């Protein structure tokens, strides 16, 4: 490969050769045009002939009017007209210009004037030539010598001009020959450069083909599915591994738009062509394998002119990670169960033993109170198990929504009634806006909202009411649950939705740290989310937002 400096020198040399070729060609054409014009320019022989003819016609007219040899009046008139036409010829066109250049116009003008003055006398004399013969001979004879002199001078000048023209012609011919030689040299140089460039192009194409083959082999050996596409999203490469992973043959993909599914969505490809690098988390493919997807832009001279998509089978890695996650979840679950189940089980055990010891002595109110204590403990264990199992199913990707139209007011009313049955001493205030039914999985949304309201009751004083309100904001349905409890430190609010995480202000209250995690996952399954706003003095508000159902826009 040539150095950049050498390449620049070659470009400069070719540019100079092209410029020299054009300049020499233009110069040759200009000189040839000049030679052509010089060749066709007047040599001066015409005016010399006209002067000699005028001189000859003056002499003939004088002879025709000599008394001893007088011609007929018609012949004299003919001689007169011919002489007048010769003088007029000398006074018009290019001949007049040449005479003017030589400073001899006045001689011809005087001769013609003198002849014109004799015309009435000649016409009136008829056959009597004696009346004007002497005057004609004296008047016009004086122009014979000047006309001859003018002819001689012009002939000498023409000879000199012809010599100069020949010299100029010869010099021009030599210049043209030299220019043609220069054109041949520069043309030969350019032809050699063209041949060399064609050879370099052929060698470069062969090298590109070789490198392309090499790269194709590398991509095939990588074990990853690789597809390349241009800036029109047309597929330019499709590896055999991609065919294996996606069951799409290369002949059905090359030269066609890159399939947006199951590889990448259209907006992802647009991001790549805009210069972004994209990574998409593994997802389950049609063949039961987990596919990891990446895409990178391809740049040429700083501009993106395509992209490359990579699909990788990460099933083994996913299974290994899944196994580790399951072990961690199992460990966390065992730890949580051993801690969280102990207290309610102890409550149930102690209450049952007390009822067994004092069963006959207990009145109806005490039995009801003891039964309510057992029921609350069992209800807490059931909610804990439901949240844990739901979180596990969501993490495993096994959760499917069973959507149907649901009256949100009725759903929140049922949750309120159920919780107040367990805690009749508490207050739950509902402030519900009028709205159309929502589209949701009732069981899951009931669990998410029940977790939020249950937490609010758990972490707020018994004399403070929990407030539930609904409304619409920015096209979203928002359900807010507000308590006036211990609050969440600002530094811990970003972690409050992590699995098994509990705020430092909640350590004195029994809990598992799984309820908020499950509630947010359920909200996100519905296309919504949960956010929190908390203050250590005024309490906490959790806002669950859901997208407006499509049927409400119809």
Protein backbone atom coordinates (compact mmCIF):
# COMPACT_ATOMS: atom_id res chain seq x y z
CA UNK A 1 0.00 0.00 0.00
CA UNK A 2 1.42 3.37 -0.98
CA UNK A 3 2.03 6.06 1.59
CA UNK A 4 -0.38 9.03 1.74
CA UNK A 5 2.40 11.38 0.57
CA UNK A 6 3.16 9.22 -2.45
CA UNK A 7 -0.53 9.07 -3.35
CA UNK A 8 -0.80 12.86 -3.16
CA UNK A 9 2.22 13.23 -5.44
CA UNK A 10 0.66 10.89 -7.99
CA UNK A 11 -2.57 12.86 -7.92
CA UNK A 12 -0.67 16.13 -8.40
CA UNK A 13 1.34 14.63 -11.30
CA UNK A 14 -1.80 13.42 -13.05
CA UNK A 15 -3.45 16.80 -12.51
CA UNK A 16 -0.48 18.63 -14.01
CA UNK A 17 -0.47 16.22 -16.99
CA UNK A 18 -4.18 16.77 -17.61
CA UNK A 19 -3.74 20.54 -17.37
CA UNK A 20 -0.76 20.46 -19.76
CA UNK A 21 -2.73 18.28 -22.18
CA UNK A 22 -5.66 20.72 -22.19
CA UNK A 23 -3.41 23.80 -22.52
CA UNK A 24 -1.35 22.30 -25.39
CA UNK A 25 -4.50 21.16 -27.20
CA UNK A 26 -6.11 24.59 -26.84
CA UNK A 27 -2.90 26.29 -28.01
CA UNK A 28 -2.66 24.01 -31.07
CA UNK A 29 -6.25 24.69 -32.03
CA UNK A 30 -5.73 28.44 -31.64
CA UNK A 31 -2.62 28.39 -33.84
CA UNK A 32 -4.39 26.31 -36.50
CA UNK A 33 -7.28 28.77 -36.55
CA UNK A 34 -4.78 31.62 -36.93
CA UNK A 35 -3.04 29.82 -39.82
CA UNK A 36 -6.39 29.22 -41.51
CA UNK A 37 -7.31 32.88 -41.24
CA UNK A 38 -3.87 34.01 -42.53
CA UNK A 39 -4.12 31.61 -45.45
CA UNK A 40 -7.45 33.05 -46.54
CA UNK A 41 -6.46 36.70 -46.06
CA UNK A 42 -6.10 38.86 -49.17
CA UNK A 43 -2.67 38.84 -50.77
CA UNK A 44 -3.11 42.24 -52.54
CA UNK A 45 -3.01 40.84 -56.07
CA UNK A 46 -6.62 41.93 -56.71
CA UNK A 47 -5.92 45.64 -56.18
CA UNK A 48 -2.79 45.47 -58.31
CA UNK A 49 -4.87 43.96 -61.10
CA UNK A 50 -7.53 46.68 -60.64
CA UNK A 51 -4.87 49.44 -60.79
CA UNK A 52 -3.31 47.97 -63.91
CA UNK A 53 -6.75 47.66 -65.49
CA UNK A 54 -7.54 51.29 -64.64
CA UNK A 55 -4.22 52.34 -66.13
CA UNK A 56 -4.89 50.21 -69.21
CA UNK A 57 -8.43 51.59 -69.68
CA UNK A 58 -7.18 55.22 -69.44
CA UNK A 59 -4.67 54.45 -72.17
CA UNK A 60 -7.33 52.81 -74.39
CA UNK A 61 -9.75 55.70 -73.87
CA UNK A 62 -7.05 58.20 -74.92
CA UNK A 63 -6.30 56.12 -78.02
CA UNK A 64 -10.00 55.81 -78.85
CA UNK A 65 -10.34 59.64 -78.87
CA UNK A 66 -7.23 60.36 -80.96
CA UNK A 67 -8.43 62.31 -84.05
CA UNK A 68 -6.42 60.19 -86.45
CA UNK A 69 -7.69 56.92 -85.01
CA UNK A 70 -11.02 57.96 -83.51
CA UNK A 71 -13.45 55.22 -82.69
CA UNK A 72 -17.20 55.35 -82.95
CA UNK A 73 -19.16 57.20 -80.28
CA UNK A 74 -20.51 53.88 -78.96
CA UNK A 75 -17.03 52.47 -78.60
CA UNK A 76 -15.84 55.63 -76.85
CA UNK A 77 -18.84 55.46 -74.50
CA UNK A 78 -17.99 51.79 -73.73
CA UNK A 79 -14.35 52.66 -73.00
CA UNK A 80 -15.52 55.53 -70.79
CA UNK A 81 -17.92 53.28 -68.79
CA UNK A 82 -15.28 50.57 -68.31
CA UNK A 83 -12.76 53.11 -66.99
CA UNK A 84 -15.36 54.58 -64.67
CA UNK A 85 -16.23 51.09 -63.30
CA UNK A 86 -12.53 50.37 -62.65
CA UNK A 87 -12.16 53.58 -60.68
CA UNK A 88 -15.37 52.85 -58.75
CA UNK A 89 -14.04 49.35 -57.95
CA UNK A 90 -10.91 50.87 -56.47
CA UNK A 91 -13.02 53.15 -54.28
CA UNK A 92 -15.18 50.40 -52.72
CA UNK A 93 -14.75 47.33 -50.52
CA UNK A 94 -11.39 45.87 -49.43
CA UNK A 95 -9.50 47.73 -52.19
CA UNK A 96 -10.54 51.10 -50.78
CA UNK A 97 -9.27 49.94 -47.37
CA UNK A 98 -5.90 48.88 -48.82
CA UNK A 99 -5.54 52.20 -50.68
CA UNK A 100 -6.42 54.06 -47.52
CA UNK A 101 -3.81 52.08 -45.59
CA UNK A 102 -1.25 53.01 -48.26
CA UNK A 103 -2.38 56.70 -48.26
CA UNK A 104 -3.27 56.68 -52.00
CA UNK A 105 -7.03 57.21 -51.89
CA UNK A 106 -6.82 60.78 -53.11
CA UNK A 107 -5.22 59.81 -56.48
CA UNK A 108 -8.15 57.57 -57.40
CA UNK A 109 -10.65 60.10 -56.13
CA UNK A 110 -9.12 62.88 -58.26
CA UNK A 111 -8.97 60.65 -61.33
CA UNK A 112 -12.61 59.74 -61.01
CA UNK A 113 -13.65 63.35 -60.42
CA UNK A 114 -11.72 64.50 -63.44
CA UNK A 115 -13.28 61.79 -65.60
CA UNK A 116 -16.76 62.68 -64.36
CA UNK A 117 -16.23 66.31 -65.33
CA UNK A 118 -15.35 65.27 -68.93
CA UNK A 119 -18.46 63.12 -69.33
CA UNK A 120 -20.86 65.93 -70.44
CA UNK A 121 -18.36 67.20 -73.05
CA UNK A 122 -17.78 63.70 -74.46
CA UNK A 123 -21.50 63.01 -74.71
CA UNK A 124 -22.22 66.37 -76.40
CA UNK A 125 -19.37 66.10 -78.97
CA UNK A 126 -20.70 63.04 -80.73
CA UNK A 127 -18.26 62.06 -83.50
CA UNK A 128 -16.20 65.26 -83.19
CA UNK A 129 -13.45 64.05 -80.88
CA UNK A 130 -11.30 67.08 -81.56
CA UNK A 131 -13.36 69.08 -79.13
CA UNK A 132 -12.08 67.07 -76.09
CA UNK A 133 -9.29 64.79 -77.32
CA UNK A 134 -6.44 67.02 -76.21
CA UNK A 135 -8.08 67.85 -72.90
CA UNK A 136 -8.85 64.16 -72.19
CA UNK A 137 -5.30 63.15 -73.04
CA UNK A 138 -3.85 65.89 -70.85
CA UNK A 139 -6.28 65.39 -67.93
CA UNK A 140 -6.29 61.60 -67.71
CA UNK A 141 -2.77 60.99 -68.97
CA UNK A 142 -1.36 62.55 -65.83
CA UNK A 143 -2.77 59.59 -63.81
CA UNK A 144 -1.03 56.88 -65.81
CA UNK A 145 2.24 57.17 -63.97
CA UNK A 146 0.72 57.56 -60.44
CA UNK A 147 -1.42 54.45 -60.98
CA UNK A 148 1.65 52.51 -62.06
CA UNK A 149 3.59 53.80 -59.08
CA UNK A 150 0.79 52.84 -56.71
CA UNK A 151 0.64 49.34 -58.26
CA UNK A 152 4.43 48.93 -57.91
CA UNK A 153 4.40 50.13 -54.30
CA UNK A 154 1.51 47.84 -53.39
CA UNK A 155 3.18 44.92 -55.13
CA UNK A 156 6.39 45.48 -53.14
CA UNK A 157 4.38 45.82 -49.92
CA UNK A 158 2.47 42.63 -50.73
CA UNK A 159 5.74 40.82 -51.36
CA UNK A 160 7.02 41.91 -47.98
CA UNK A 161 3.69 40.98 -46.31
CA UNK A 162 3.72 37.59 -48.02
CA UNK A 163 7.18 36.96 -46.68
CA UNK A 164 6.13 37.90 -43.20
CA UNK A 165 3.07 35.68 -43.52
CA UNK A 166 5.23 32.78 -44.63
CA UNK A 167 7.55 33.30 -41.69
CA UNK A 168 4.62 33.50 -39.33
CA UNK A 169 3.08 30.43 -40.94
CA UNK A 170 6.30 28.47 -40.56
CA UNK A 171 6.65 29.55 -36.94
CA UNK A 172 3.03 28.56 -36.28
CA UNK A 173 3.57 25.18 -37.92
CA UNK A 174 6.60 24.56 -35.71
CA UNK A 175 4.63 25.60 -32.64
CA UNK A 176 1.77 23.28 -33.59
CA UNK A 177 4.19 20.40 -34.14
CA UNK A 178 5.79 21.02 -30.75
CA UNK A 179 2.34 21.21 -29.13
CA UNK A 180 1.30 17.96 -30.78
CA UNK A 181 4.46 16.29 -29.48
CA UNK A 182 3.61 17.63 -26.03
CA UNK A 183 0.05 16.34 -26.40
CA UNK A 184 1.39 12.93 -27.39
CA UNK A 185 3.75 12.86 -24.40
CA UNK A 186 1.12 13.93 -21.87
CA UNK A 187 -1.46 11.65 -23.50
CA UNK A 188 0.96 8.73 -23.28
CA UNK A 189 1.58 9.55 -19.60
CA UNK A 190 -2.14 9.66 -18.93
CA UNK A 191 -2.68 6.38 -20.77
CA UNK A 192 0.05 4.76 -18.70
CA UNK A 193 -1.53 6.12 -15.52
CA UNK A 194 -4.93 4.84 -16.65
CA UNK A 195 -3.55 1.38 -17.36
CA UNK A 196 -1.80 1.38 -13.99
CA UNK A 197 -4.97 2.57 -12.26
CA UNK A 198 -6.99 -0.17 -13.93
CA UNK A 199 -4.43 -2.71 -12.77
CA UNK A 200 -4.59 -1.30 -9.24
CA UNK A 201 -8.40 -1.42 -9.34
CA UNK A 202 -8.31 -5.04 -10.44
CA UNK A 203 -5.79 -5.88 -7.69
CA UNK A 204 -7.87 -3.99 -5.12
CA UNK A 205 -11.03 -5.80 -6.18
CA UNK A 206 -9.22 -9.13 -5.88
CA UNK A 207 -7.96 -8.14 -2.44
CA UNK A 208 -11.44 -7.02 -1.40
CA UNK A 209 -12.88 -10.33 -2.59
CA UNK A 210 -10.18 -12.18 -0.67
CA UNK A 211 -10.77 -10.12 2.48
CA UNK A 212 -14.52 -10.53 2.12
CA UNK A 213 -14.09 -14.29 1.87
CA UNK A 214 -11.77 -14.21 4.87
CA UNK A 215 -14.22 -12.12 6.89
CA UNK A 216 -17.08 -14.41 5.90
CA UNK A 217 -15.09 -17.38 7.14
CA UNK A 218 -14.34 -15.59 10.40
CA UNK A 219 -18.02 -14.72 10.86
CA UNK A 220 -19.05 -18.28 10.04
CA UNK A 221 -16.48 -19.62 12.52
CA UNK A 222 -17.58 -17.23 15.27
CA UNK A 223 -20.64 -19.33 16.06
CA UNK A 224 -22.84 -16.23 16.12
CA UNK A 225 -25.64 -15.25 13.79
CA UNK A 226 -24.48 -12.21 11.81
CA UNK A 227 -26.47 -10.11 9.34
CA UNK A 228 -25.29 -6.92 7.65
CA UNK A 229 -27.56 -4.28 6.15
CA UNK A 230 -27.13 -1.04 4.21
CA UNK A 231 -28.62 2.38 4.89
CA UNK A 232 -31.84 1.27 3.18
CA UNK A 233 -32.10 -1.64 5.68
CA UNK A 234 -31.53 -4.14 2.84
CA UNK A 235 -29.71 -7.30 3.91
CA UNK A 236 -26.21 -7.60 2.40
CA UNK A 237 -24.91 -10.57 4.43
CA UNK A 238 -26.65 -13.46 6.15
CA UNK A 239 -24.51 -16.07 7.92
CA UNK A 240 -25.36 -19.76 8.04
CA UNK A 241 -25.52 -19.54 11.83
CA UNK A 242 -28.23 -16.89 11.47
CA UNK A 243 -30.14 -19.35 9.30
CA UNK A 244 -29.83 -22.00 12.02
CA UNK A 245 -30.93 -19.67 14.81
CA UNK A 246 -33.89 -18.10 13.00
CA UNK A 247 -34.78 -20.78 10.42
CA UNK A 248 -34.59 -18.15 7.65
CA UNK A 249 -32.50 -19.16 4.59
CA UNK A 250 -29.95 -16.69 3.24
CA UNK A 251 -31.43 -16.77 -0.28
CA UNK A 252 -34.71 -15.46 1.13
CA UNK A 253 -33.02 -12.60 2.96
CA UNK A 254 -30.16 -11.24 0.82
CA UNK A 255 -31.13 -8.10 -1.07
CA UNK A 256 -34.37 -7.79 0.87
CA UNK A 257 -35.36 -5.65 3.86
CA UNK A 258 -33.91 -7.03 7.09
CA UNK A 259 -36.75 -8.74 8.97
CA UNK A 260 -37.79 -6.66 11.94
CA UNK A 261 -38.98 -9.77 13.74
CA UNK A 262 -37.51 -11.87 15.26
CA UNK A 263 -34.31 -9.81 15.07
CA UNK A 264 -34.88 -6.12 15.73
CA UNK A 265 -37.73 -3.66 15.69
CA UNK A 266 -37.77 -0.98 13.00
CA UNK A 267 -36.97 1.82 15.44
CA UNK A 268 -33.91 -0.11 16.67
CA UNK A 269 -32.55 -0.33 13.13
CA UNK A 270 -33.16 3.40 12.69
CA UNK A 271 -31.19 4.07 15.88
CA UNK A 272 -28.29 2.03 14.47
CA UNK A 273 -28.35 3.99 11.20
CA UNK A 274 -28.36 7.16 13.32
CA UNK A 275 -25.06 6.02 14.85
CA UNK A 276 -26.18 4.32 18.10
CA UNK A 277 -24.97 0.97 19.38
CA UNK A 278 -27.89 -1.14 20.59
CA UNK A 279 -28.00 -4.06 23.00
CA UNK A 280 -31.21 -5.98 23.65
CA UNK A 281 -31.58 -8.35 26.57
CA UNK A 282 -31.98 -12.09 25.83
CA UNK A 283 -35.46 -13.29 25.02
CA UNK A 284 -37.00 -16.65 24.29
CA UNK A 285 -36.98 -17.53 20.59
CA UNK A 286 -39.27 -19.76 18.58
CA UNK A 287 -36.92 -22.72 18.98
CA UNK A 288 -37.00 -22.62 22.76
CA UNK A 289 -33.59 -20.91 22.92
CA UNK A 290 -32.70 -17.60 24.49
CA UNK A 291 -31.27 -15.15 21.93
CA UNK A 292 -29.14 -12.15 22.79
CA UNK A 293 -29.21 -9.35 20.18
CA UNK A 294 -26.75 -6.57 19.42
CA UNK A 295 -26.43 -4.09 16.57
CA UNK A 296 -23.63 -1.71 15.61
CA UNK A 297 -23.37 0.98 12.90
CA UNK A 298 -20.88 0.62 10.04
CA UNK A 299 -19.07 3.85 9.22
CA UNK A 300 -17.23 4.89 6.09
CA UNK A 301 -15.29 8.17 6.14
CA UNK A 302 -17.16 9.19 9.27
CA UNK A 303 -20.65 8.59 7.82
CA UNK A 304 -22.92 5.67 8.71
CA UNK A 305 -23.66 3.62 5.59
CA UNK A 306 -25.10 0.51 7.15
CA UNK A 307 -25.08 -1.72 10.19
CA UNK A 308 -24.38 -5.19 11.47
CA UNK A 309 -26.78 -7.25 13.56
CA UNK A 310 -25.53 -10.05 15.81
CA UNK A 311 -27.75 -12.75 17.29
CA UNK A 312 -26.19 -15.06 19.89
CA UNK A 313 -27.56 -18.22 21.48
CA UNK A 314 -27.16 -17.64 25.24
CA UNK A 315 -29.44 -20.43 26.41
CA UNK A 316 -26.70 -22.10 28.46
CA UNK A 317 -25.67 -18.82 30.03
CA UNK A 318 -29.30 -17.89 30.65
CA UNK A 319 -29.97 -21.28 32.23
CA UNK A 320 -26.87 -20.93 34.41
CA UNK A 321 -27.91 -17.43 35.46
CA UNK A 322 -31.44 -18.65 36.01
CA UNK A 323 -30.14 -21.46 38.19
CA UNK A 324 -28.08 -19.01 40.22
CA UNK A 325 -31.08 -16.70 40.53
CA UNK A 326 -33.25 -19.58 41.63
CA UNK A 327 -30.69 -20.55 44.24
CA UNK A 328 -30.57 -16.96 45.46
CA UNK A 329 -34.35 -16.69 45.42
CA UNK A 330 -34.62 -20.00 47.27
CA UNK A 331 -32.08 -18.87 49.83
CA UNK A 332 -33.82 -15.51 50.24
CA UNK A 333 -37.17 -17.22 50.39
CA UNK A 334 -36.01 -19.68 53.02
CA UNK A 335 -34.51 -16.83 55.04
CA UNK A 336 -37.65 -14.77 54.66
CA UNK A 337 -39.96 -17.69 55.50
CA UNK A 338 -37.92 -18.69 58.52
CA UNK A 339 -38.15 -15.12 59.77
CA UNK A 340 -41.57 -14.00 58.58
CA UNK A 341 -43.51 -17.21 59.20
CA UNK A 342 -42.23 -17.56 62.76
CA UNK A 343 -44.22 -14.69 64.26
CA UNK A 344 -47.65 -15.44 62.71
CA UNK A 345 -47.22 -19.16 63.39
CA UNK A 346 -46.30 -18.36 66.96
CA UNK A 347 -49.40 -16.17 67.22
CA UNK A 348 -51.58 -18.93 65.79
CA UNK A 349 -49.98 -21.55 68.07
CA UNK A 350 -50.34 -19.48 71.24
CA UNK A 351 -53.92 -18.50 70.39
CA UNK A 352 -54.94 -22.11 69.71
CA UNK A 353 -53.29 -23.31 72.95
CA UNK A 354 -55.11 -20.58 74.89
CA UNK A 355 -58.40 -21.57 73.28
CA UNK A 356 -57.71 -25.21 74.11
CA UNK A 357 -56.95 -24.40 77.75
CA UNK A 358 -59.78 -21.95 78.28
CA UNK A 359 -62.24 -23.02 75.61
CA UNK A 360 -65.11 -23.73 77.98
CA UNK A 361 -64.47 -20.53 79.91
CA UNK A 362 -64.41 -18.19 76.88
CA UNK A 363 -67.47 -16.22 75.96
CA UNK A 364 -68.51 -15.47 72.37
CA UNK A 365 -66.69 -12.12 72.17
CA UNK A 366 -63.36 -13.59 73.30
CA UNK A 367 -63.73 -16.55 70.94
CA UNK A 368 -64.46 -14.14 68.07
CA UNK A 369 -61.45 -12.02 69.01
CA UNK A 370 -59.17 -15.07 69.17
CA UNK A 371 -60.51 -16.35 65.85
CA UNK A 372 -59.90 -12.92 64.28
CA UNK A 373 -56.31 -13.02 65.55
CA UNK A 374 -55.79 -16.40 63.88
CA UNK A 375 -57.48 -15.18 60.70
CA UNK A 376 -55.26 -12.10 60.49
CA UNK A 377 -52.16 -14.23 60.93
CA UNK A 378 -53.32 -16.68 58.24
CA UNK A 379 -54.27 -13.80 55.93
CA UNK A 380 -50.81 -12.30 56.31
CA UNK A 381 -49.20 -15.64 55.48
CA UNK A 382 -51.49 -16.03 52.43
CA UNK A 383 -50.61 -12.56 51.12
CA UNK A 384 -46.92 -13.30 51.65
CA UNK A 385 -47.19 -16.57 49.71
CA UNK A 386 -49.24 -14.96 46.93
CA UNK A 387 -46.74 -12.11 46.49
CA UNK A 388 -43.78 -14.49 46.51
CA UNK A 389 -45.32 -16.86 43.97
CA UNK A 390 -46.46 -13.99 41.73
CA UNK A 391 -42.97 -12.43 41.79
CA UNK A 392 -41.45 -15.79 40.90
CA UNK A 393 -43.81 -16.30 37.94
CA UNK A 394 -43.12 -12.76 36.66
CA UNK A 395 -39.35 -13.27 36.90
CA UNK A 396 -39.65 -16.56 35.06
CA UNK A 397 -41.63 -14.91 32.24
CA UNK A 398 -44.53 -17.27 32.83
CA UNK A 399 -47.10 -14.65 33.79
CA UNK A 400 -49.85 -14.06 31.25
CA UNK A 401 -52.45 -11.34 31.67
CA UNK A 402 -56.11 -12.26 31.58
CA UNK A 403 -57.46 -8.81 30.70
CA UNK A 404 -61.08 -7.81 30.90
CA UNK A 405 -63.10 -4.67 31.46
CA UNK A 406 -63.14 -3.85 35.15
CA UNK A 407 -64.87 -1.16 37.20
CA UNK A 408 -62.04 0.44 39.16
CA UNK A 409 -64.36 1.89 41.79
CA UNK A 410 -65.81 -1.55 42.57
CA UNK A 411 -62.32 -3.08 42.69
CA UNK A 412 -61.06 -0.49 45.17
CA UNK A 413 -64.27 -0.81 47.20
CA UNK A 414 -63.77 -4.58 47.49
CA UNK A 415 -60.16 -4.10 48.60
CA UNK A 416 -61.30 -1.58 51.21
CA UNK A 417 -64.02 -3.87 52.53
CA UNK A 418 -61.68 -6.87 52.74
CA UNK A 419 -58.97 -5.00 54.64
CA UNK A 420 -61.42 -3.37 57.03
CA UNK A 421 -62.80 -6.81 57.90
CA UNK A 422 -59.29 -7.72 59.06
CA UNK A 423 -58.66 -4.34 60.74
CA UNK A 424 -62.10 -2.92 61.64
CA UNK A 425 -60.55 -0.27 63.85
CA UNK A 426 -58.78 1.40 60.88
CA UNK A 427 -60.15 4.01 58.45
CA UNK A 428 -59.74 3.95 54.64
CA UNK A 429 -61.02 7.02 52.76
CA UNK A 430 -61.90 6.58 49.05
CA UNK A 431 -61.99 9.64 46.76
CA UNK A 432 -62.88 8.28 43.34
CA UNK A 433 -63.26 10.21 40.11
CA UNK A 434 -65.84 9.15 37.57
CA UNK A 435 -64.26 7.16 34.75
CA UNK A 436 -65.02 4.40 32.29
CA UNK A 437 -64.08 0.77 33.03
CA UNK A 438 -60.38 -0.10 32.80
CA UNK A 439 -58.75 -2.99 30.94
CA UNK A 440 -56.74 -5.17 33.35
CA UNK A 441 -56.12 -8.57 34.91
CA UNK A 442 -58.42 -8.24 37.94
CA UNK A 443 -56.64 -10.81 40.12
CA UNK A 444 -53.20 -9.29 39.58
CA UNK A 445 -54.29 -5.66 39.90
CA UNK A 446 -56.23 -6.58 43.06
CA UNK A 447 -53.05 -8.09 44.48
CA UNK A 448 -50.92 -5.01 43.55
CA UNK A 449 -53.39 -2.50 45.01
CA UNK A 450 -53.98 -4.73 48.06
CA UNK A 451 -50.20 -4.71 48.70
CA UNK A 452 -50.09 -0.90 48.48
CA UNK A 453 -53.09 -0.35 50.77
CA UNK A 454 -51.95 -3.10 53.18
CA UNK A 455 -48.50 -1.47 53.46
CA UNK A 456 -50.11 1.93 54.06
CA UNK A 457 -52.17 0.48 56.92
CA UNK A 458 -49.16 -1.37 58.31
CA UNK A 459 -46.73 1.58 58.34
CA UNK A 460 -49.06 4.39 59.49
CA UNK A 461 -50.48 5.11 62.98
CA UNK A 462 -53.76 3.41 63.85
CA UNK A 463 -55.46 6.77 64.40
CA UNK A 464 -54.57 8.03 60.93
CA UNK A 465 -56.68 7.23 57.89
CA UNK A 466 -55.28 5.80 54.66
CA UNK A 467 -56.43 7.74 51.61
CA UNK A 468 -57.12 6.25 48.18
CA UNK A 469 -57.86 8.56 45.21
CA UNK A 470 -58.16 8.14 41.45
CA UNK A 471 -57.82 10.49 38.51
CA UNK A 472 -56.40 10.95 35.01
CA UNK A 473 -53.15 12.71 34.13
CA UNK A 474 -51.44 12.98 30.72
CA UNK A 475 -53.57 10.19 29.28
CA UNK A 476 -52.87 7.85 32.21
CA UNK A 477 -55.20 6.51 34.89
CA UNK A 478 -53.54 7.19 38.26
CA UNK A 479 -54.42 5.51 41.58
CA UNK A 480 -52.80 7.10 44.64
CA UNK A 481 -52.47 5.45 48.06
CA UNK A 482 -51.42 7.90 50.81
CA UNK A 483 -50.48 7.19 54.41
CA UNK A 484 -49.30 9.45 57.22
CA UNK A 485 -46.74 7.07 58.62
CA UNK A 486 -43.01 6.80 59.17
CA UNK A 487 -42.00 7.74 55.62
CA UNK A 488 -39.01 6.50 53.57
CA UNK A 489 -35.56 8.16 53.63
CA UNK A 490 -34.77 9.85 50.33
CA UNK A 491 -31.56 7.86 49.85
CA UNK A 492 -33.54 4.59 50.10
CA UNK A 493 -36.48 5.52 47.87
CA UNK A 494 -34.77 4.35 44.67
CA UNK A 495 -34.34 0.86 46.21
CA UNK A 496 -37.75 0.50 47.79
CA UNK A 497 -39.03 -1.62 44.86
CA UNK A 498 -36.15 -4.13 45.00
CA UNK A 499 -36.96 -7.69 46.04
CA UNK A 500 -36.70 -8.21 49.84
CA UNK A 501 -35.49 -4.65 50.45
CA UNK A 502 -36.94 -2.86 53.47
CA UNK A 503 -36.42 0.76 54.44
CA UNK A 504 -34.53 1.51 57.64
CA UNK A 505 -37.64 3.20 59.06
CA UNK A 506 -39.66 -0.04 58.71
CA UNK A 507 -37.48 -2.44 60.71
CA UNK A 508 -39.83 -2.34 63.71
CA UNK A 509 -42.78 -3.47 61.59
CA UNK A 510 -43.18 -7.03 60.41
CA UNK A 511 -42.73 -7.36 56.66
CA UNK A 512 -41.01 -9.34 53.86
CA UNK A 513 -39.93 -6.71 51.33
CA UNK A 514 -41.64 -8.59 48.50
CA UNK A 515 -44.96 -6.73 48.27
CA UNK A 516 -43.76 -3.51 46.59
CA UNK A 517 -41.57 -5.44 44.17
CA UNK A 518 -44.52 -7.59 43.11
CA UNK A 519 -46.85 -4.58 42.84
CA UNK A 520 -44.50 -2.70 40.50
CA UNK A 521 -43.93 -5.78 38.32
CA UNK A 522 -47.70 -6.22 37.98
CA UNK A 523 -48.11 -2.53 37.05
CA UNK A 524 -45.40 -2.83 34.41
CA UNK A 525 -46.99 -5.96 32.98
CA UNK A 526 -50.05 -3.75 32.35
CA UNK A 527 -47.88 -1.11 30.63
CA UNK A 528 -47.85 1.18 33.66
CA UNK A 529 -45.59 1.81 36.64
CA UNK A 530 -45.51 2.75 40.33
CA UNK A 531 -43.74 5.81 41.71
CA UNK A 532 -43.26 6.99 45.26
CA UNK A 533 -43.14 10.39 46.97
CA UNK A 534 -42.27 10.28 50.67
CA UNK A 535 -41.43 12.57 53.56
CA UNK A 536 -40.32 11.46 57.00
CA UNK A 537 -42.75 13.88 58.66
CA UNK A 538 -45.88 13.83 56.48
CA UNK A 539 -45.93 10.26 55.18
CA UNK A 540 -45.80 8.48 51.81
CA UNK A 541 -47.83 8.42 48.59
CA UNK A 542 -47.56 5.55 46.10
CA UNK A 543 -48.97 6.31 42.62
CA UNK A 544 -49.90 3.39 40.35
CA UNK A 545 -50.40 4.55 36.76
CA UNK A 546 -52.07 2.56 33.99
CA UNK A 547 -52.47 3.44 30.29
CA UNK A 548 -55.94 4.47 29.15
CA UNK A 549 -57.75 1.46 27.64
CA UNK A 550 -58.06 1.52 23.86
CA UNK A 551 -61.82 1.14 23.93
CA UNK A 552 -62.07 4.46 25.82
CA UNK A 553 -60.61 6.27 22.78
CA UNK A 554 -63.14 4.86 20.35
